[in-house]
PDB file of N, CA and C in Angstrom:
ATOM      1  N   UNK A   1       0.832  -1.224  -0.010  1.00  0.00           N
ATOM      2  CA  UNK A   1       0.049  -0.058  -0.020  1.00  0.00           C
ATOM      3  C   UNK A   1       0.846   1.233  -0.063  1.00  0.00           C
ATOM      4  N   UNK A   2       0.487   2.272  -0.680  1.00  0.00           N
ATOM      5  CA  UNK A   2       1.113   3.566  -0.765  1.00  0.00           C
ATOM      6  C   UNK A   2       0.152   4.612  -0.619  1.00  0.00           C
ATOM      7  N   UNK A   3       0.623   5.750  -0.097  1.00  0.00           N
ATOM      8  CA  UNK A   3      -0.231   6.931  -0.010  1.00  0.00           C
ATOM      9  C   UNK A   3       0.418   8.053  -0.809  1.00  0.00           C
ATOM     10  N   UNK A   4      -0.409   8.590  -1.626  1.00  0.00           N
ATOM     11  CA  UNK A   4       0.096   9.689  -2.545  1.00  0.00           C
ATOM     12  C   UNK A   4      -0.146  10.990  -1.785  1.00  0.00           C
ATOM     13  N   UNK A   5       0.888  11.778  -1.514  1.00  0.00           N
ATOM     14  CA  UNK A   5       0.741  13.034  -0.723  1.00  0.00           C
ATOM     15  C   UNK A   5       1.153  14.189  -1.733  1.00  0.00           C
ATOM     16  N   UNK A   6       0.235  15.129  -1.869  1.00  0.00           N
ATOM     17  CA  UNK A   6       0.523  16.310  -2.730  1.00  0.00           C
ATOM     18  C   UNK A   6       0.597  17.528  -1.776  1.00  0.00           C
ATOM     19  N   UNK A   7       1.711  18.296  -1.905  1.00  0.00           N
ATOM     20  CA  UNK A   7       1.830  19.480  -1.083  1.00  0.00           C
ATOM     21  C   UNK A   7       1.887  20.689  -2.098  1.00  0.00           C
ATOM     22  N   UNK A   8       0.927  21.525  -2.045  1.00  0.00           N
ATOM     23  CA  UNK A   8       0.903  22.772  -2.820  1.00  0.00           C
ATOM     24  C   UNK A   8       1.358  23.983  -2.105  1.00  0.00           C
ATOM     25  N   UNK A   9       2.636  24.136  -1.994  1.00  0.00           N
ATOM     26  CA  UNK A   9       3.147  25.285  -1.199  1.00  0.00           C
ATOM     27  C   UNK A   9       3.647  26.359  -2.258  1.00  0.00           C
ATOM     28  N   UNK A  10       3.331  27.528  -2.086  1.00  0.00           N
ATOM     29  CA  UNK A  10       3.777  28.598  -2.948  1.00  0.00           C
ATOM     30  C   UNK A  10       4.480  29.605  -2.049  1.00  0.00           C
ATOM     31  N   UNK A  11       5.665  29.980  -2.470  1.00  0.00           N
ATOM     32  CA  UNK A  11       6.469  30.969  -1.667  1.00  0.00           C
ATOM     33  C   UNK A  11       6.911  32.063  -2.672  1.00  0.00           C
ATOM     34  N   UNK A  12       6.600  33.160  -2.559  1.00  0.00           N
ATOM     35  CA  UNK A  12       6.910  34.290  -3.434  1.00  0.00           C
ATOM     36  C   UNK A  12       8.502  34.564  -3.228  1.00  0.00           C
ATOM     37  N   UNK A  13       9.155  34.884  -4.346  1.00  0.00           N
ATOM     38  CA  UNK A  13      10.542  35.136  -4.402  1.00  0.00           C
ATOM     39  C   UNK A  13      10.758  36.558  -4.320  1.00  0.00           C
ATOM     40  N   UNK A  14      11.588  37.060  -3.496  1.00  0.00           N
ATOM     41  CA  UNK A  14      11.896  38.461  -3.282  1.00  0.00           C
ATOM     42  C   UNK A  14      13.197  38.828  -4.071  1.00  0.00           C
ATOM     43  N   UNK A  15      13.263  40.079  -4.306  1.00  0.00           N
ATOM     44  CA  UNK A  15      14.535  40.622  -5.084  1.00  0.00           C
ATOM     45  C   UNK A  15      15.697  40.394  -4.127  1.00  0.00           C
ATOM     46  N   UNK A  16      16.675  39.825  -4.654  1.00  0.00           N
ATOM     47  CA  UNK A  16      18.070  39.671  -3.902  1.00  0.00           C
ATOM     48  C   UNK A  16      18.561  41.138  -3.371  1.00  0.00           C
ATOM     49  N   UNK A  17      18.880  41.186  -2.164  1.00  0.00           N
ATOM     50  CA  UNK A  17      19.539  42.357  -1.634  1.00  0.00           C
ATOM     51  C   UNK A  17      21.046  42.362  -2.014  1.00  0.00           C
ATOM     52  N   UNK A  18      21.395  43.475  -2.432  1.00  0.00           N
ATOM     53  CA  UNK A  18      22.881  43.633  -2.783  1.00  0.00           C
ATOM     54  C   UNK A  18      23.506  44.750  -2.056  1.00  0.00           C
ATOM     55  N   UNK A  19      24.586  44.511  -1.488  1.00  0.00           N
ATOM     56  CA  UNK A  19      25.350  45.483  -0.723  1.00  0.00           C
ATOM     57  C   UNK A  19      26.882  45.217  -0.895  1.00  0.00           C
ATOM     58  N   UNK A  20      27.631  46.314  -0.732  1.00  0.00           N
ATOM     59  CA  UNK A  20      29.041  46.097  -0.930  1.00  0.00           C
ATOM     60  C   UNK A  20      29.841  47.341  -0.525  1.00  0.00           C
ATOM     61  N   UNK A  21      31.209  47.287  -0.891  1.00  0.00           N
ATOM     62  CA  UNK A  21      32.044  48.400  -0.662  1.00  0.00           C
ATOM     63  C   UNK A  21      32.823  48.756  -1.841  1.00  0.00           C
ATOM     64  N   UNK A  22      32.902  49.929  -2.274  1.00  0.00           N
ATOM     65  CA  UNK A  22      33.658  50.474  -3.393  1.00  0.00           C
ATOM     66  C   UNK A  22      35.112  50.792  -2.819  1.00  0.00           C
ATOM     67  N   UNK A  23      36.098  50.085  -3.414  1.00  0.00           N
ATOM     68  CA  UNK A  23      37.479  50.403  -2.899  1.00  0.00           C
ATOM     69  C   UNK A  23      38.420  50.857  -3.992  1.00  0.00           C
ATOM     70  N   UNK A  24      39.394  51.655  -3.657  1.00  0.00           N
ATOM     71  CA  UNK A  24      40.449  52.010  -4.553  1.00  0.00           C
ATOM     72  C   UNK A  24      41.765  51.327  -4.253  1.00  0.00           C
ATOM     73  N   UNK A  25      42.281  50.584  -5.247  1.00  0.00           N
ATOM     74  CA  UNK A  25      43.375  49.737  -5.008  1.00  0.00           C
ATOM     75  C   UNK A  25      44.702  50.416  -4.849  1.00  0.00           C
ATOM     76  N   UNK A  26      44.779  51.659  -5.189  1.00  0.00           N
ATOM     77  CA  UNK A  26      46.088  52.384  -5.324  1.00  0.00           C
ATOM     78  C   UNK A  26      46.398  53.214  -4.010  1.00  0.00           C
ATOM     79  N   UNK A  27      45.383  53.430  -3.233  1.00  0.00           N
ATOM     80  CA  UNK A  27      45.629  54.292  -1.979  1.00  0.00           C
ATOM     81  C   UNK A  27      45.178  53.538  -0.680  1.00  0.00           C
ATOM     82  N   UNK A  28      45.610  54.019   0.419  1.00  0.00           N
ATOM     83  CA  UNK A  28      45.258  53.435   1.708  1.00  0.00           C
ATOM     84  C   UNK A  28      44.463  54.341   2.561  1.00  0.00           C
ATOM     85  N   UNK A  29      43.738  53.889   3.527  1.00  0.00           N
ATOM     86  CA  UNK A  29      42.960  54.727   4.364  1.00  0.00           C
ATOM     87  C   UNK A  29      43.754  55.139   5.579  1.00  0.00           C
ATOM     88  N   UNK A  30      43.981  56.422   5.886  1.00  0.00           N
ATOM     89  CA  UNK A  30      44.783  56.825   6.959  1.00  0.00           C
ATOM     90  C   UNK A  30      44.017  57.500   8.075  1.00  0.00           C
ATOM     91  N   UNK A  31      42.677  57.669   7.942  1.00  0.00           N
ATOM     92  CA  UNK A  31      41.873  58.279   8.808  1.00  0.00           C
ATOM     93  C   UNK A  31      41.495  57.227   9.889  1.00  0.00           C
ATOM     94  N   UNK A  32      41.946  57.511  11.133  1.00  0.00           N
ATOM     95  CA  UNK A  32      41.641  56.557  12.261  1.00  0.00           C
ATOM     96  C   UNK A  32      40.215  56.287  12.655  1.00  0.00           C
ATOM     97  N   UNK A  33      39.258  57.234  12.245  1.00  0.00           N
ATOM     98  CA  UNK A  33      37.849  57.102  12.533  1.00  0.00           C
ATOM     99  C   UNK A  33      37.104  56.424  11.343  1.00  0.00           C
ATOM    100  N   UNK A  34      37.746  56.113  10.286  1.00  0.00           N
ATOM    101  CA  UNK A  34      37.024  55.520   9.205  1.00  0.00           C
ATOM    102  C   UNK A  34      36.903  53.987   9.506  1.00  0.00           C
ATOM    103  N   UNK A  35      35.776  53.358   8.900  1.00  0.00           N
ATOM    104  CA  UNK A  35      35.633  51.919   9.187  1.00  0.00           C
ATOM    105  C   UNK A  35      36.703  51.065   8.521  1.00  0.00           C
ATOM    106  N   UNK A  36      37.320  51.532   7.505  1.00  0.00           N
ATOM    107  CA  UNK A  36      38.315  50.701   6.747  1.00  0.00           C
ATOM    108  C   UNK A  36      39.743  51.350   7.059  1.00  0.00           C
ATOM    109  N   UNK A  37      40.043  51.743   8.330  1.00  0.00           N
ATOM    110  CA  UNK A  37      41.407  52.291   8.626  1.00  0.00           C
ATOM    111  C   UNK A  37      42.393  51.237   8.473  1.00  0.00           C
ATOM    112  N   UNK A  38      43.433  51.550   7.727  1.00  0.00           N
ATOM    113  CA  UNK A  38      44.606  50.706   7.431  1.00  0.00           C
ATOM    114  C   UNK A  38      44.406  49.772   6.180  1.00  0.00           C
ATOM    115  N   UNK A  39      43.278  49.827   5.610  1.00  0.00           N
ATOM    116  CA  UNK A  39      42.930  49.068   4.436  1.00  0.00           C
ATOM    117  C   UNK A  39      42.881  49.950   3.188  1.00  0.00           C
ATOM    118  N   UNK A  40      42.288  49.478   2.144  1.00  0.00           N
ATOM    119  CA  UNK A  40      42.193  50.235   0.890  1.00  0.00           C
ATOM    120  C   UNK A  40      41.254  51.366   1.070  1.00  0.00           C
ATOM    121  N   UNK A  41      41.474  52.534   0.352  1.00  0.00           N
ATOM    122  CA  UNK A  41      40.719  53.661   0.489  1.00  0.00           C
ATOM    123  C   UNK A  41      39.354  53.385  -0.201  1.00  0.00           C
ATOM    124  N   UNK A  42      38.306  54.056   0.449  1.00  0.00           N
ATOM    125  CA  UNK A  42      36.907  53.845  -0.175  1.00  0.00           C
ATOM    126  C   UNK A  42      36.440  55.269  -0.522  1.00  0.00           C
ATOM    127  N   UNK A  43      36.363  55.477  -1.894  1.00  0.00           N
ATOM    128  CA  UNK A  43      35.974  56.790  -2.433  1.00  0.00           C
ATOM    129  C   UNK A  43      34.433  57.103  -1.973  1.00  0.00           C
ATOM    130  N   UNK A  44      34.058  58.337  -1.691  1.00  0.00           N
ATOM    131  CA  UNK A  44      32.703  58.583  -1.321  1.00  0.00           C
ATOM    132  C   UNK A  44      31.797  59.039  -2.469  1.00  0.00           C
ATOM    133  N   UNK A  45      30.619  58.677  -2.350  1.00  0.00           N
ATOM    134  CA  UNK A  45      29.459  59.199  -3.196  1.00  0.00           C
ATOM    135  C   UNK A  45      29.659  58.884  -4.710  1.00  0.00           C
ATOM    136  N   UNK A  46      29.996  57.689  -5.070  1.00  0.00           N
ATOM    137  CA  UNK A  46      30.161  57.233  -6.330  1.00  0.00           C
ATOM    138  C   UNK A  46      28.834  56.579  -6.824  1.00  0.00           C
ATOM    139  N   UNK A  47      28.461  56.798  -8.103  1.00  0.00           N
ATOM    140  CA  UNK A  47      27.194  56.164  -8.606  1.00  0.00           C
ATOM    141  C   UNK A  47      27.452  54.705  -9.035  1.00  0.00           C
ATOM    142  N   UNK A  48      26.488  53.938  -8.855  1.00  0.00           N
ATOM    143  CA  UNK A  48      26.530  52.542  -9.362  1.00  0.00           C
ATOM    144  C   UNK A  48      25.099  52.242  -9.921  1.00  0.00           C
ATOM    145  N   UNK A  49      25.219  51.282 -10.947  1.00  0.00           N
ATOM    146  CA  UNK A  49      24.056  50.896 -11.703  1.00  0.00           C
ATOM    147  C   UNK A  49      23.953  49.379 -11.610  1.00  0.00           C
ATOM    148  N   UNK A  50      22.692  48.826 -11.310  1.00  0.00           N
ATOM    149  CA  UNK A  50      22.445  47.378 -11.310  1.00  0.00           C
ATOM    150  C   UNK A  50      21.645  47.142 -12.668  1.00  0.00           C
ATOM    151  N   UNK A  51      22.038  46.180 -13.430  1.00  0.00           N
ATOM    152  CA  UNK A  51      21.402  45.854 -14.694  1.00  0.00           C
ATOM    153  C   UNK A  51      20.683  44.514 -14.579  1.00  0.00           C
ATOM    154  N   UNK A  52      19.613  44.353 -15.315  1.00  0.00           N
ATOM    155  CA  UNK A  52      18.970  43.051 -15.356  1.00  0.00           C
ATOM    156  C   UNK A  52      19.616  42.121 -16.445  1.00  0.00           C
ATOM    157  N   UNK A  53      19.024  41.016 -16.797  1.00  0.00           N
ATOM    158  CA  UNK A  53      19.572  40.168 -17.714  1.00  0.00           C
ATOM    159  C   UNK A  53      19.555  40.632 -19.147  1.00  0.00           C
ATOM    160  N   UNK A  54      18.626  41.545 -19.482  1.00  0.00           N
ATOM    161  CA  UNK A  54      18.493  42.133 -20.797  1.00  0.00           C
ATOM    162  C   UNK A  54      19.329  43.322 -20.916  1.00  0.00           C
ATOM    163  N   UNK A  55      20.067  43.749 -19.972  1.00  0.00           N
ATOM    164  CA  UNK A  55      20.912  44.994 -19.999  1.00  0.00           C
ATOM    165  C   UNK A  55      20.116  46.284 -19.575  1.00  0.00           C
ATOM    166  N   UNK A  56      18.847  46.089 -19.156  1.00  0.00           N
ATOM    167  CA  UNK A  56      18.070  47.230 -18.725  1.00  0.00           C
ATOM    168  C   UNK A  56      18.419  47.674 -17.319  1.00  0.00           C
ATOM    169  N   UNK A  57      18.434  48.940 -16.959  1.00  0.00           N
ATOM    170  CA  UNK A  57      18.723  49.442 -15.660  1.00  0.00           C
ATOM    171  C   UNK A  57      17.646  49.076 -14.657  1.00  0.00           C
ATOM    172  N   UNK A  58      18.081  48.412 -13.664  1.00  0.00           N
ATOM    173  CA  UNK A  58      17.061  47.993 -12.640  1.00  0.00           C
ATOM    174  C   UNK A  58      17.098  48.971 -11.380  1.00  0.00           C
ATOM    175  N   UNK A  59      18.246  49.410 -10.992  1.00  0.00           N
ATOM    176  CA  UNK A  59      18.321  50.274  -9.893  1.00  0.00           C
ATOM    177  C   UNK A  59      19.655  51.144  -9.947  1.00  0.00           C
ATOM    178  N   UNK A  60      19.470  52.391  -9.500  1.00  0.00           N
ATOM    179  CA  UNK A  60      20.686  53.190  -9.480  1.00  0.00           C
ATOM    180  C   UNK A  60      21.018  53.741  -8.059  1.00  0.00           C
ATOM    181  N   UNK A  61      22.182  53.539  -7.613  1.00  0.00           N
ATOM    182  CA  UNK A  61      22.530  53.837  -6.125  1.00  0.00           C
ATOM    183  C   UNK A  61      23.747  54.652  -6.173  1.00  0.00           C
ATOM    184  N   UNK A  62      23.957  55.271  -4.970  1.00  0.00           N
ATOM    185  CA  UNK A  62      25.194  56.106  -4.735  1.00  0.00           C
ATOM    186  C   UNK A  62      25.653  55.514  -3.392  1.00  0.00           C
ATOM    187  N   UNK A  63      27.051  55.425  -3.323  1.00  0.00           N
ATOM    188  CA  UNK A  63      27.766  55.002  -2.123  1.00  0.00           C
ATOM    189  C   UNK A  63      27.698  56.116  -1.043  1.00  0.00           C
ATOM    190  N   UNK A  64      27.855  55.831   0.241  1.00  0.00           N
ATOM    191  CA  UNK A  64      27.840  56.816   1.194  1.00  0.00           C
ATOM    192  C   UNK A  64      29.280  57.394   1.395  1.00  0.00           C
ATOM    193  N   UNK A  65      29.420  58.093   2.592  1.00  0.00           N
ATOM    194  CA  UNK A  65      30.710  58.711   2.799  1.00  0.00           C
ATOM    195  C   UNK A  65      31.822  57.836   3.093  1.00  0.00           C
ATOM    196  N   UNK A  66      31.585  56.536   3.302  1.00  0.00           N
ATOM    197  CA  UNK A  66      32.586  55.534   3.499  1.00  0.00           C
ATOM    198  C   UNK A  66      32.663  54.559   2.414  1.00  0.00           C
ATOM    199  N   UNK A  67      32.012  54.772   1.282  1.00  0.00           N
ATOM    200  CA  UNK A  67      32.128  53.970   0.058  1.00  0.00           C
ATOM    201  C   UNK A  67      31.257  52.734   0.105  1.00  0.00           C
ATOM    202  N   UNK A  68      30.165  52.589   1.018  1.00  0.00           N
ATOM    203  CA  UNK A  68      29.358  51.506   1.233  1.00  0.00           C
ATOM    204  C   UNK A  68      28.138  51.756   0.496  1.00  0.00           C
ATOM    205  N   UNK A  69      27.471  50.795  -0.291  1.00  0.00           N
ATOM    206  CA  UNK A  69      26.257  50.955  -0.981  1.00  0.00           C
ATOM    207  C   UNK A  69      25.364  49.874  -0.668  1.00  0.00           C
ATOM    208  N   UNK A  70      24.082  50.011  -0.745  1.00  0.00           N
ATOM    209  CA  UNK A  70      22.989  49.077  -0.512  1.00  0.00           C
ATOM    210  C   UNK A  70      21.938  49.256  -1.458  1.00  0.00           C
ATOM    211  N   UNK A  71      21.483  48.052  -2.238  1.00  0.00           N
ATOM    212  CA  UNK A  71      20.397  48.274  -3.081  1.00  0.00           C
ATOM    213  C   UNK A  71      19.230  47.437  -2.518  1.00  0.00           C
TER     214      UNK A  71
END
């Protein structure tokens, strides 16, 4: 004997959250109050664009004062 079990579960998929840090490979951070002290320098207020699979712009973001962005 066997029992057929059907589970109809639907879960909506959310957009993936993207965050990161923009860094400059040629300079170092010398400000002792910066989050990246002693590491690579993070330029402030740079624009960034996230594109979809077709090359269309999905979101436009700007980094903060420490080079960190969040979409």
